[in-house]
Amino acid sequence: MDKLLEVNSILMALGFGSIITIVSKIFKSSLKSREETEIRFKNLEFANIAMLHDKIYKQCSDFLEQGWISVDDLENLDYLWRGYKGLGGNGTGEILYKKVQDLPNLKIERE
């Protein structure tokens, strides 16, 4: 009977150890997956900032060269700017955006 209890205890310990090992692997895998997801999210955020900056830079350069901006274009640029600023963008984009805001506004009649 004592041998049976001893064998039973050993089997339970091995089973418990296996469960702990499995749970540990799942937990580590989950952490790795979470880290990869966070890195991917940061990269996507950076890419969005870069694309918005490029679009704002291009549009602002065109409007400054033109010397004026339509009300509709200014509203569209503002929409891009809010997303860019909300993601942490600034610098050159902000300088150009402020210069464009000072341009004369013209309302274009659409046919």
PDB file of N, CA and C in Angstrom:
ATOM      1  N   MET A   1       0.822  -1.194   0.000  1.00  0.00           N
ATOM      2  CA  MET A   1       0.000   0.000   0.000  1.00  0.00           C
ATOM      3  C   MET A   1       0.859   1.249   0.000  1.00  0.00           C
ATOM      4  N   ASP A   2       1.953   1.204   0.810  1.00  0.00           N
ATOM      5  CA  ASP A   2       2.846   2.356   0.849  1.00  0.00           C
ATOM      6  C   ASP A   2       3.501   2.583  -0.508  1.00  0.00           C
ATOM      7  N   LYS A   3       3.851   1.481  -1.175  1.00  0.00           N
ATOM      8  CA  LYS A   3       4.461   1.592  -2.505  1.00  0.00           C
ATOM      9  C   LYS A   3       3.481   2.216  -3.489  1.00  0.00           C
ATOM     10  N   LEU A   4       2.213   1.850  -3.387  1.00  0.00           N
ATOM     11  CA  LEU A   4       1.178   2.380  -4.264  1.00  0.00           C
ATOM     12  C   LEU A   4       1.020   3.882  -4.042  1.00  0.00           C
ATOM     13  N   LEU A   5       1.014   4.312  -2.798  1.00  0.00           N
ATOM     14  CA  LEU A   5       0.919   5.737  -2.488  1.00  0.00           C
ATOM     15  C   LEU A   5       2.145   6.493  -2.995  1.00  0.00           C
ATOM     16  N   GLU A   6       3.293   5.858  -2.864  1.00  0.00           N
ATOM     17  CA  GLU A   6       4.528   6.482  -3.322  1.00  0.00           C
ATOM     18  C   GLU A   6       4.522   6.643  -4.835  1.00  0.00           C
ATOM     19  N   VAL A   7       4.121   5.600  -5.547  1.00  0.00           N
ATOM     20  CA  VAL A   7       4.033   5.652  -7.009  1.00  0.00           C
ATOM     21  C   VAL A   7       2.995   6.696  -7.425  1.00  0.00           C
ATOM     22  N   ASN A   8       1.867   6.707  -6.748  1.00  0.00           N
ATOM     23  CA  ASN A   8       0.805   7.651  -7.034  1.00  0.00           C
ATOM     24  C   ASN A   8       1.308   9.090  -6.832  1.00  0.00           C
ATOM     25  N   SER A   9       2.038   9.326  -5.766  1.00  0.00           N
ATOM     26  CA  SER A   9       2.588  10.658  -5.482  1.00  0.00           C
ATOM     27  C   SER A   9       3.568  11.085  -6.569  1.00  0.00           C
ATOM     28  N   ILE A  10       4.401  10.153  -7.002  1.00  0.00           N
ATOM     29  CA  ILE A  10       5.380  10.452  -8.055  1.00  0.00           C
ATOM     30  C   ILE A  10       4.666  10.792  -9.355  1.00  0.00           C
ATOM     31  N   LEU A  11       3.658  10.005  -9.709  1.00  0.00           N
ATOM     32  CA  LEU A  11       2.906  10.260 -10.942  1.00  0.00           C
ATOM     33  C   LEU A  11       2.186  11.601 -10.880  1.00  0.00           C
ATOM     34  N   MET A  12       1.619  11.914  -9.734  1.00  0.00           N
ATOM     35  CA  MET A  12       0.931  13.204  -9.566  1.00  0.00           C
ATOM     36  C   MET A  12       1.931  14.355  -9.688  1.00  0.00           C
ATOM     37  N   ALA A  13       3.108  14.206  -9.107  1.00  0.00           N
ATOM     38  CA  ALA A  13       4.130  15.246  -9.184  1.00  0.00           C
ATOM     39  C   ALA A  13       4.577  15.447 -10.631  1.00  0.00           C
ATOM     40  N   LEU A  14       4.770  14.342 -11.341  1.00  0.00           N
ATOM     41  CA  LEU A  14       5.152  14.439 -12.748  1.00  0.00           C
ATOM     42  C   LEU A  14       4.047  15.099 -13.568  1.00  0.00           C
ATOM     43  N   GLY A  15       2.817  14.725 -13.308  1.00  0.00           N
ATOM     44  CA  GLY A  15       1.680  15.310 -14.011  1.00  0.00           C
ATOM     45  C   GLY A  15       1.557  16.794 -13.715  1.00  0.00           C
ATOM     46  N   PHE A  16       1.720  17.147 -12.442  1.00  0.00           N
ATOM     47  CA  PHE A  16       1.647  18.548 -12.051  1.00  0.00           C
ATOM     48  C   PHE A  16       2.786  19.345 -12.686  1.00  0.00           C
ATOM     49  N   GLY A  17       3.972  18.742 -12.700  1.00  0.00           N
ATOM     50  CA  GLY A  17       5.122  19.387 -13.332  1.00  0.00           C
ATOM     51  C   GLY A  17       4.896  19.611 -14.813  1.00  0.00           C
ATOM     52  N   SER A  18       4.274  18.641 -15.476  1.00  0.00           N
ATOM     53  CA  SER A  18       3.974  18.777 -16.899  1.00  0.00           C
ATOM     54  C   SER A  18       2.976  19.898 -17.137  1.00  0.00           C
ATOM     55  N   ILE A  19       1.983  19.974 -16.278  1.00  0.00           N
ATOM     56  CA  ILE A  19       0.976  21.040 -16.402  1.00  0.00           C
ATOM     57  C   ILE A  19       1.640  22.404 -16.235  1.00  0.00           C
ATOM     58  N   ILE A  20       2.517  22.512 -15.227  1.00  0.00           N
ATOM     59  CA  ILE A  20       3.225  23.769 -14.990  1.00  0.00           C
ATOM     60  C   ILE A  20       4.073  24.135 -16.214  1.00  0.00           C
ATOM     61  N   THR A  21       4.741  23.158 -16.790  1.00  0.00           N
ATOM     62  CA  THR A  21       5.576  23.398 -17.975  1.00  0.00           C
ATOM     63  C   THR A  21       4.730  23.881 -19.150  1.00  0.00           C
ATOM     64  N   ILE A  22       3.601  23.245 -19.364  1.00  0.00           N
ATOM     65  CA  ILE A  22       2.709  23.621 -20.466  1.00  0.00           C
ATOM     66  C   ILE A  22       2.178  25.033 -20.260  1.00  0.00           C
ATOM     67  N   VAL A  23       1.706  25.330 -19.045  1.00  0.00           N
ATOM     68  CA  VAL A  23       1.171  26.663 -18.748  1.00  0.00           C
ATOM     69  C   VAL A  23       2.264  27.713 -18.920  1.00  0.00           C
ATOM     70  N   SER A  24       3.467  27.393 -18.469  1.00  0.00           N
ATOM     71  CA  SER A  24       4.597  28.322 -18.603  1.00  0.00           C
ATOM     72  C   SER A  24       4.901  28.612 -20.067  1.00  0.00           C
ATOM     73  N   LYS A  25       4.890  27.588 -20.914  1.00  0.00           N
ATOM     74  CA  LYS A  25       5.145  27.777 -22.343  1.00  0.00           C
ATOM     75  C   LYS A  25       4.058  28.628 -22.989  1.00  0.00           C
ATOM     76  N   ILE A  26       2.822  28.375 -22.612  1.00  0.00           N
ATOM     77  CA  ILE A  26       1.711  29.168 -23.153  1.00  0.00           C
ATOM     78  C   ILE A  26       1.862  30.624 -22.733  1.00  0.00           C
ATOM     79  N   PHE A  27       2.194  30.854 -21.483  1.00  0.00           N
ATOM     80  CA  PHE A  27       2.358  32.209 -20.963  1.00  0.00           C
ATOM     81  C   PHE A  27       3.496  32.927 -21.677  1.00  0.00           C
ATOM     82  N   LYS A  28       4.642  32.259 -21.846  1.00  0.00           N
ATOM     83  CA  LYS A  28       5.777  32.865 -22.537  1.00  0.00           C
ATOM     84  C   LYS A  28       5.429  33.163 -23.994  1.00  0.00           C
ATOM     85  N   SER A  29       4.715  32.242 -24.629  1.00  0.00           N
ATOM     86  CA  SER A  29       4.301  32.448 -26.008  1.00  0.00           C
ATOM     87  C   SER A  29       3.366  33.640 -26.111  1.00  0.00           C
ATOM     88  N   SER A  30       2.476  33.763 -25.134  1.00  0.00           N
ATOM     89  CA  SER A  30       1.537  34.882 -25.110  1.00  0.00           C
ATOM     90  C   SER A  30       2.271  36.202 -24.943  1.00  0.00           C
ATOM     91  N   LEU A  31       3.282  36.238 -24.082  1.00  0.00           N
ATOM     92  CA  LEU A  31       4.066  37.460 -23.892  1.00  0.00           C
ATOM     93  C   LEU A  31       4.817  37.833 -25.164  1.00  0.00           C
ATOM     94  N   LYS A  32       5.408  36.840 -25.812  1.00  0.00           N
ATOM     95  CA  LYS A  32       6.138  37.089 -27.046  1.00  0.00           C
ATOM     96  C   LYS A  32       5.193  37.617 -28.115  1.00  0.00           C
ATOM     97  N   SER A  33       4.028  37.008 -28.218  1.00  0.00           N
ATOM     98  CA  SER A  33       3.041  37.440 -29.191  1.00  0.00           C
ATOM     99  C   SER A  33       2.591  38.871 -28.899  1.00  0.00           C
ATOM    100  N   ARG A  34       2.442  39.187 -27.626  1.00  0.00           N
ATOM    101  CA  ARG A  34       2.022  40.537 -27.242  1.00  0.00           C
ATOM    102  C   ARG A  34       3.105  41.549 -27.591  1.00  0.00           C
ATOM    103  N   GLU A  35       4.354  41.197 -27.334  1.00  0.00           N
ATOM    104  CA  GLU A  35       5.462  42.086 -27.682  1.00  0.00           C
ATOM    105  C   GLU A  35       5.524  42.301 -29.192  1.00  0.00           C
ATOM    106  N   GLU A  36       5.355  41.239 -29.955  1.00  0.00           N
ATOM    107  CA  GLU A  36       5.361  41.356 -31.416  1.00  0.00           C
ATOM    108  C   GLU A  36       4.210  42.234 -31.887  1.00  0.00           C
ATOM    109  N   THR A  37       3.045  42.100 -31.267  1.00  0.00           N
ATOM    110  CA  THR A  37       1.887  42.915 -31.613  1.00  0.00           C
ATOM    111  C   THR A  37       2.154  44.381 -31.299  1.00  0.00           C
ATOM    112  N   GLU A  38       2.758  44.653 -30.149  1.00  0.00           N
ATOM    113  CA  GLU A  38       3.068  46.032 -29.780  1.00  0.00           C
ATOM    114  C   GLU A  38       4.088  46.635 -30.744  1.00  0.00           C
ATOM    115  N   ILE A  39       5.091  45.856 -31.137  1.00  0.00           N
ATOM    116  CA  ILE A  39       6.091  46.346 -32.093  1.00  0.00           C
ATOM    117  C   ILE A  39       5.430  46.635 -33.433  1.00  0.00           C
ATOM    118  N   ARG A  40       4.571  45.726 -33.867  1.00  0.00           N
ATOM    119  CA  ARG A  40       3.858  45.920 -35.139  1.00  0.00           C
ATOM    120  C   ARG A  40       2.982  47.167 -35.085  1.00  0.00           C
ATOM    121  N   PHE A  41       2.287  47.365 -33.981  1.00  0.00           N
ATOM    122  CA  PHE A  41       1.435  48.541 -33.818  1.00  0.00           C
ATOM    123  C   PHE A  41       2.273  49.821 -33.880  1.00  0.00           C
ATOM    124  N   LYS A  42       3.414  49.837 -33.201  1.00  0.00           N
ATOM    125  CA  LYS A  42       4.305  51.011 -33.222  1.00  0.00           C
ATOM    126  C   LYS A  42       4.781  51.284 -34.648  1.00  0.00           C
ATOM    127  N   ASN A  43       5.120  50.223 -35.383  1.00  0.00           N
ATOM    128  CA  ASN A  43       5.560  50.389 -36.770  1.00  0.00           C
ATOM    129  C   ASN A  43       4.440  50.946 -37.647  1.00  0.00           C
ATOM    130  N   LEU A  44       3.224  50.464 -37.453  1.00  0.00           N
ATOM    131  CA  LEU A  44       2.084  50.981 -38.216  1.00  0.00           C
ATOM    132  C   LEU A  44       1.813  52.444 -37.869  1.00  0.00           C
ATOM    133  N   GLU A  45       1.935  52.773 -36.598  1.00  0.00           N
ATOM    134  CA  GLU A  45       1.751  54.157 -36.160  1.00  0.00           C
ATOM    135  C   GLU A  45       2.810  55.060 -36.814  1.00  0.00           C
ATOM    136  N   PHE A  46       4.050  54.612 -36.810  1.00  0.00           N
ATOM    137  CA  PHE A  46       5.126  55.374 -37.437  1.00  0.00           C
ATOM    138  C   PHE A  46       4.865  55.547 -38.936  1.00  0.00           C
ATOM    139  N   ALA A  47       4.416  54.479 -39.590  1.00  0.00           N
ATOM    140  CA  ALA A  47       4.127  54.543 -41.027  1.00  0.00           C
ATOM    141  C   ALA A  47       2.998  55.536 -41.311  1.00  0.00           C
ATOM    142  N   ASN A  48       1.970  55.543 -40.465  1.00  0.00           N
ATOM    143  CA  ASN A  48       0.877  56.498 -40.640  1.00  0.00           C
ATOM    144  C   ASN A  48       1.359  57.929 -40.485  1.00  0.00           C
ATOM    145  N   ILE A  49       2.195  58.176 -39.483  1.00  0.00           N
ATOM    146  CA  ILE A  49       2.752  59.521 -39.296  1.00  0.00           C
ATOM    147  C   ILE A  49       3.560  59.919 -40.527  1.00  0.00           C
ATOM    148  N   ALA A  50       4.364  58.998 -41.029  1.00  0.00           N
ATOM    149  CA  ALA A  50       5.202  59.286 -42.200  1.00  0.00           C
ATOM    150  C   ALA A  50       4.339  59.608 -43.428  1.00  0.00           C
ATOM    151  N   MET A  51       3.288  58.843 -43.661  1.00  0.00           N
ATOM    152  CA  MET A  51       2.414  59.090 -44.815  1.00  0.00           C
ATOM    153  C   MET A  51       1.669  60.418 -44.677  1.00  0.00           C
ATOM    154  N   LEU A  52       1.168  60.689 -43.468  1.00  0.00           N
ATOM    155  CA  LEU A  52       0.479  61.964 -43.248  1.00  0.00           C
ATOM    156  C   LEU A  52       1.443  63.130 -43.423  1.00  0.00           C
ATOM    157  N   HIS A  53       2.655  62.985 -42.898  1.00  0.00           N
ATOM    158  CA  HIS A  53       3.652  64.044 -43.052  1.00  0.00           C
ATOM    159  C   HIS A  53       3.933  64.294 -44.528  1.00  0.00           C
ATOM    160  N   ASP A  54       4.105  63.230 -45.289  1.00  0.00           N
ATOM    161  CA  ASP A  54       4.386  63.365 -46.713  1.00  0.00           C
ATOM    162  C   ASP A  54       3.245  64.098 -47.419  1.00  0.00           C
ATOM    163  N   LYS A  55       2.019  63.702 -47.124  1.00  0.00           N
ATOM    164  CA  LYS A  55       0.859  64.318 -47.772  1.00  0.00           C
ATOM    165  C   LYS A  55       0.726  65.789 -47.368  1.00  0.00           C
ATOM    166  N   ILE A  56       0.889  66.075 -46.080  1.00  0.00           N
ATOM    167  CA  ILE A  56       0.800  67.457 -45.604  1.00  0.00           C
ATOM    168  C   ILE A  56       1.917  68.289 -46.232  1.00  0.00           C
ATOM    169  N   TYR A  57       3.127  67.766 -46.246  1.00  0.00           N
ATOM    170  CA  TYR A  57       4.278  68.475 -46.810  1.00  0.00           C
ATOM    171  C   TYR A  57       4.026  68.800 -48.286  1.00  0.00           C
ATOM    172  N   LYS A  58       3.565  67.803 -49.041  1.00  0.00           N
ATOM    173  CA  LYS A  58       3.313  67.994 -50.475  1.00  0.00           C
ATOM    174  C   LYS A  58       2.215  69.026 -50.707  1.00  0.00           C
ATOM    175  N   GLN A  59       1.090  68.873 -49.994  1.00  0.00           N
ATOM    176  CA  GLN A  59      -0.014  69.812 -50.192  1.00  0.00           C
ATOM    177  C   GLN A  59       0.373  71.221 -49.770  1.00  0.00           C
ATOM    178  N   CYS A  60       1.026  71.349 -48.623  1.00  0.00           N
ATOM    179  CA  CYS A  60       1.430  72.674 -48.152  1.00  0.00           C
ATOM    180  C   CYS A  60       2.386  73.330 -49.139  1.00  0.00           C
ATOM    181  N   SER A  61       3.335  72.578 -49.651  1.00  0.00           N
ATOM    182  CA  SER A  61       4.280  73.126 -50.633  1.00  0.00           C
ATOM    183  C   SER A  61       3.551  73.622 -51.870  1.00  0.00           C
ATOM    184  N   ASP A  62       2.580  72.839 -52.349  1.00  0.00           N
ATOM    185  CA  ASP A  62       1.801  73.240 -53.526  1.00  0.00           C
ATOM    186  C   ASP A  62       0.989  74.505 -53.247  1.00  0.00           C
ATOM    187  N   PHE A  63       0.334  74.575 -52.096  1.00  0.00           N
ATOM    188  CA  PHE A  63      -0.491  75.740 -51.762  1.00  0.00           C
ATOM    189  C   PHE A  63       0.372  76.990 -51.568  1.00  0.00           C
ATOM    190  N   LEU A  64       1.529  76.845 -50.956  1.00  0.00           N
ATOM    191  CA  LEU A  64       2.417  77.983 -50.758  1.00  0.00           C
ATOM    192  C   LEU A  64       2.945  78.501 -52.100  1.00  0.00           C
ATOM    193  N   GLU A  65       3.236  77.580 -53.008  1.00  0.00           N
ATOM    194  CA  GLU A  65       3.677  77.975 -54.345  1.00  0.00           C
ATOM    195  C   GLU A  65       2.555  78.676 -55.096  1.00  0.00           C
ATOM    196  N   GLN A  66       1.334  78.174 -54.922  1.00  0.00           N
ATOM    197  CA  GLN A  66       0.147  78.743 -55.567  1.00  0.00           C
ATOM    198  C   GLN A  66      -0.176  80.123 -54.985  1.00  0.00           C
ATOM    199  N   GLY A  67       0.061  80.293 -53.695  1.00  0.00           N
ATOM    200  CA  GLY A  67      -0.180  81.591 -53.064  1.00  0.00           C
ATOM    201  C   GLY A  67      -1.554  81.772 -52.452  1.00  0.00           C
ATOM    202  N   TRP A  68      -2.401  80.782 -52.537  1.00  0.00           N
ATOM    203  CA  TRP A  68      -3.736  80.821 -51.931  1.00  0.00           C
ATOM    204  C   TRP A  68      -4.217  79.398 -51.710  1.00  0.00           C
ATOM    205  N   ILE A  69      -5.303  79.277 -50.962  1.00  0.00           N
ATOM    206  CA  ILE A  69      -5.892  77.957 -50.695  1.00  0.00           C
ATOM    207  C   ILE A  69      -7.403  78.104 -50.649  1.00  0.00           C
ATOM    208  N   SER A  70      -8.098  77.148 -51.215  1.00  0.00           N
ATOM    209  CA  SER A  70      -9.564  77.186 -51.149  1.00  0.00           C
ATOM    210  C   SER A  70     -10.015  76.769 -49.748  1.00  0.00           C
ATOM    211  N   VAL A  71     -11.217  77.162 -49.403  1.00  0.00           N
ATOM    212  CA  VAL A  71     -11.784  76.808 -48.099  1.00  0.00           C
ATOM    213  C   VAL A  71     -11.875  75.288 -47.972  1.00  0.00           C
ATOM    214  N   ASP A  72     -12.311  74.628 -49.032  1.00  0.00           N
ATOM    215  CA  ASP A  72     -12.429  73.160 -49.008  1.00  0.00           C
ATOM    216  C   ASP A  72     -11.060  72.496 -48.798  1.00  0.00           C
ATOM    217  N   ASP A  73     -10.049  73.001 -49.494  1.00  0.00           N
ATOM    218  CA  ASP A  73      -8.713  72.429 -49.341  1.00  0.00           C
ATOM    219  C   ASP A  73      -8.154  72.682 -47.943  1.00  0.00           C
ATOM    220  N   LEU A  74      -8.455  73.839 -47.384  1.00  0.00           N
ATOM    221  CA  LEU A  74      -8.003  74.147 -46.035  1.00  0.00           C
ATOM    222  C   LEU A  74      -8.670  73.215 -45.018  1.00  0.00           C
ATOM    223  N   GLU A  75      -9.969  72.930 -45.217  1.00  0.00           N
ATOM    224  CA  GLU A  75     -10.665  71.988 -44.329  1.00  0.00           C
ATOM    225  C   GLU A  75     -10.073  70.591 -44.448  1.00  0.00           C
ATOM    226  N   ASN A  76      -9.760  70.172 -45.673  1.00  0.00           N
ATOM    227  CA  ASN A  76      -9.157  68.857 -45.890  1.00  0.00           C
ATOM    228  C   ASN A  76      -7.777  68.788 -45.242  1.00  0.00           C
ATOM    229  N   LEU A  77      -6.989  69.828 -45.404  1.00  0.00           N
ATOM    230  CA  LEU A  77      -5.663  69.876 -44.806  1.00  0.00           C
ATOM    231  C   LEU A  77      -5.755  69.846 -43.279  1.00  0.00           C
ATOM    232  N   ASP A  78      -6.740  70.546 -42.734  1.00  0.00           N
ATOM    233  CA  ASP A  78      -6.956  70.543 -41.284  1.00  0.00           C
ATOM    234  C   ASP A  78      -7.298  69.141 -40.794  1.00  0.00           C
ATOM    235  N   TYR A  79      -8.091  68.426 -41.559  1.00  0.00           N
ATOM    236  CA  TYR A  79      -8.466  67.053 -41.210  1.00  0.00           C
ATOM    237  C   TYR A  79      -7.226  66.160 -41.151  1.00  0.00           C
ATOM    238  N   LEU A  80      -6.336  66.291 -42.143  1.00  0.00           N
ATOM    239  CA  LEU A  80      -5.078  65.538 -42.141  1.00  0.00           C
ATOM    240  C   LEU A  80      -4.198  65.961 -40.965  1.00  0.00           C
ATOM    241  N   TRP A  81      -4.155  67.275 -40.729  1.00  0.00           N
ATOM    242  CA  TRP A  81      -3.305  67.806 -39.668  1.00  0.00           C
ATOM    243  C   TRP A  81      -3.711  67.275 -38.295  1.00  0.00           C
ATOM    244  N   ARG A  82      -5.018  67.218 -38.024  1.00  0.00           N
ATOM    245  CA  ARG A  82      -5.478  66.728 -36.708  1.00  0.00           C
ATOM    246  C   ARG A  82      -5.044  65.281 -36.479  1.00  0.00           C
ATOM    247  N   GLY A  83      -5.123  64.443 -37.492  1.00  0.00           N
ATOM    248  CA  GLY A  83      -4.666  63.051 -37.366  1.00  0.00           C
ATOM    249  C   GLY A  83      -3.171  62.978 -37.154  1.00  0.00           C
ATOM    250  N   TYR A  84      -2.438  63.779 -37.908  1.00  0.00           N
ATOM    251  CA  TYR A  84      -0.972  63.816 -37.815  1.00  0.00           C
ATOM    252  C   TYR A  84      -0.535  64.281 -36.431  1.00  0.00           C
ATOM    253  N   LYS A  85      -1.119  65.361 -35.964  1.00  0.00           N
ATOM    254  CA  LYS A  85      -0.764  65.910 -34.650  1.00  0.00           C
ATOM    255  C   LYS A  85      -1.177  64.946 -33.537  1.00  0.00           C
ATOM    256  N   GLY A  86      -2.340  64.315 -33.685  1.00  0.00           N
ATOM    257  CA  GLY A  86      -2.834  63.365 -32.688  1.00  0.00           C
ATOM    258  C   GLY A  86      -1.933  62.152 -32.526  1.00  0.00           C
ATOM    259  N   LEU A  87      -1.230  61.787 -33.580  1.00  0.00           N
ATOM    260  CA  LEU A  87      -0.289  60.657 -33.518  1.00  0.00           C
ATOM    261  C   LEU A  87       1.103  61.077 -33.055  1.00  0.00           C
ATOM    262  N   GLY A  88       1.265  62.372 -32.812  1.00  0.00           N
ATOM    263  CA  GLY A  88       2.553  62.845 -32.311  1.00  0.00           C
ATOM    264  C   GLY A  88       3.421  63.516 -33.354  1.00  0.00           C
ATOM    265  N   GLY A  89       2.896  63.735 -34.548  1.00  0.00           N
ATOM    266  CA  GLY A  89       3.677  64.401 -35.589  1.00  0.00           C
ATOM    267  C   GLY A  89       3.835  65.888 -35.299  1.00  0.00           C
ATOM    268  N   ASN A  90       4.953  66.443 -35.703  1.00  0.00           N
ATOM    269  CA  ASN A  90       5.191  67.883 -35.545  1.00  0.00           C
ATOM    270  C   ASN A  90       6.357  68.283 -36.436  1.00  0.00           C
ATOM    271  N   GLY A  91       7.059  69.329 -36.095  1.00  0.00           N
ATOM    272  CA  GLY A  91       8.255  69.730 -36.835  1.00  0.00           C
ATOM    273  C   GLY A  91       7.935  70.442 -38.124  1.00  0.00           C
ATOM    274  N   THR A  92       8.532  69.974 -39.215  1.00  0.00           N
ATOM    275  CA  THR A  92       8.382  70.613 -40.510  1.00  0.00           C
ATOM    276  C   THR A  92       6.921  70.689 -40.931  1.00  0.00           C
ATOM    277  N   GLY A  93       6.179  69.641 -40.664  1.00  0.00           N
ATOM    278  CA  GLY A  93       4.755  69.636 -41.014  1.00  0.00           C
ATOM    279  C   GLY A  93       4.007  70.767 -40.344  1.00  0.00           C
ATOM    280  N   GLU A  94       4.312  71.036 -39.094  1.00  0.00           N
ATOM    281  CA  GLU A  94       3.623  72.098 -38.353  1.00  0.00           C
ATOM    282  C   GLU A  94       3.990  73.480 -38.892  1.00  0.00           C
ATOM    283  N   ILE A  95       5.254  73.679 -39.218  1.00  0.00           N
ATOM    284  CA  ILE A  95       5.703  74.966 -39.759  1.00  0.00           C
ATOM    285  C   ILE A  95       4.977  75.273 -41.063  1.00  0.00           C
ATOM    286  N   LEU A  96       4.943  74.280 -41.958  1.00  0.00           N
ATOM    287  CA  LEU A  96       4.264  74.473 -43.248  1.00  0.00           C
ATOM    288  C   LEU A  96       2.765  74.670 -43.066  1.00  0.00           C
ATOM    289  N   TYR A  97       2.159  73.890 -42.184  1.00  0.00           N
ATOM    290  CA  TYR A  97       0.722  73.990 -41.945  1.00  0.00           C
ATOM    291  C   TYR A  97       0.350  75.396 -41.477  1.00  0.00           C
ATOM    292  N   LYS A  98       1.135  75.957 -40.572  1.00  0.00           N
ATOM    293  CA  LYS A  98       0.851  77.306 -40.065  1.00  0.00           C
ATOM    294  C   LYS A  98       1.020  78.359 -41.165  1.00  0.00           C
ATOM    295  N   LYS A  99       2.000  78.168 -42.044  1.00  0.00           N
ATOM    296  CA  LYS A  99       2.175  79.104 -43.157  1.00  0.00           C
ATOM    297  C   LYS A  99       0.976  79.053 -44.100  1.00  0.00           C
ATOM    298  N   VAL A 100       0.464  77.852 -44.358  1.00  0.00           N
ATOM    299  CA  VAL A 100      -0.681  77.703 -45.251  1.00  0.00           C
ATOM    300  C   VAL A 100      -1.934  78.323 -44.631  1.00  0.00           C
ATOM    301  N   GLN A 101      -2.066  78.227 -43.319  1.00  0.00           N
ATOM    302  CA  GLN A 101      -3.220  78.832 -42.656  1.00  0.00           C
ATOM    303  C   GLN A 101      -3.256  80.343 -42.855  1.00  0.00           C
ATOM    304  N   ASP A 102      -2.106  80.956 -43.068  1.00  0.00           N
ATOM    305  CA  ASP A 102      -2.034  82.403 -43.267  1.00  0.00           C
ATOM    306  C   ASP A 102      -2.296  82.822 -44.713  1.00  0.00           C
ATOM    307  N   LEU A 103      -2.395  81.860 -45.628  1.00  0.00           N
ATOM    308  CA  LEU A 103      -2.668  82.185 -47.026  1.00  0.00           C
ATOM    309  C   LEU A 103      -4.090  82.717 -47.184  1.00  0.00           C
ATOM    310  N   PRO A 104      -4.313  83.537 -48.227  1.00  0.00           N
ATOM    311  CA  PRO A 104      -5.687  83.979 -48.509  1.00  0.00           C
ATOM    312  C   PRO A 104      -6.566  82.765 -48.834  1.00  0.00           C
ATOM    313  N   ASN A 105      -7.794  82.806 -48.341  1.00  0.00           N
ATOM    314  CA  ASN A 105      -8.753  81.712 -48.592  1.00  0.00           C
ATOM    315  C   ASN A 105      -9.722  82.136 -49.669  1.00  0.00           C
ATOM    316  N   LEU A 106      -9.924  81.259 -50.602  1.00  0.00           N
ATOM    317  CA  LEU A 106     -10.880  81.520 -51.664  1.00  0.00           C
ATOM    318  C   LEU A 106     -11.911  80.412 -51.678  1.00  0.00           C
ATOM    319  N   LYS A 107     -13.169  80.795 -51.816  1.00  0.00           N
ATOM    320  CA  LYS A 107     -14.206  79.787 -51.935  1.00  0.00           C
ATOM    321  C   LYS A 107     -14.410  79.522 -53.418  1.00  0.00           C
ATOM    322  N   ILE A 108     -14.198  78.294 -53.826  1.00  0.00           N
ATOM    323  CA  ILE A 108     -14.324  77.921 -55.234  1.00  0.00           C
ATOM    324  C   ILE A 108     -15.730  77.390 -55.472  1.00  0.00           C
ATOM    325  N   GLU A 109     -16.390  77.943 -56.477  1.00  0.00           N
ATOM    326  CA  GLU A 109     -17.722  77.465 -56.837  1.00  0.00           C
ATOM    327  C   GLU A 109     -17.568  76.222 -57.681  1.00  0.00           C
ATOM    328  N   ARG A 110     -18.158  75.141 -57.231  1.00  0.00           N
ATOM    329  CA  ARG A 110     -18.089  73.872 -57.965  1.00  0.00           C
ATOM    330  C   ARG A 110     -19.267  73.791 -58.936  1.00  0.00           C
ATOM    331  N   GLU A 111     -18.984  73.332 -60.138  1.00  0.00           N
ATOM    332  CA  GLU A 111     -20.054  73.208 -61.140  1.00  0.00           C
ATOM    333  C   GLU A 111     -20.808  71.932 -60.958  1.00  0.00           C
TER     334      GLU A 111
END
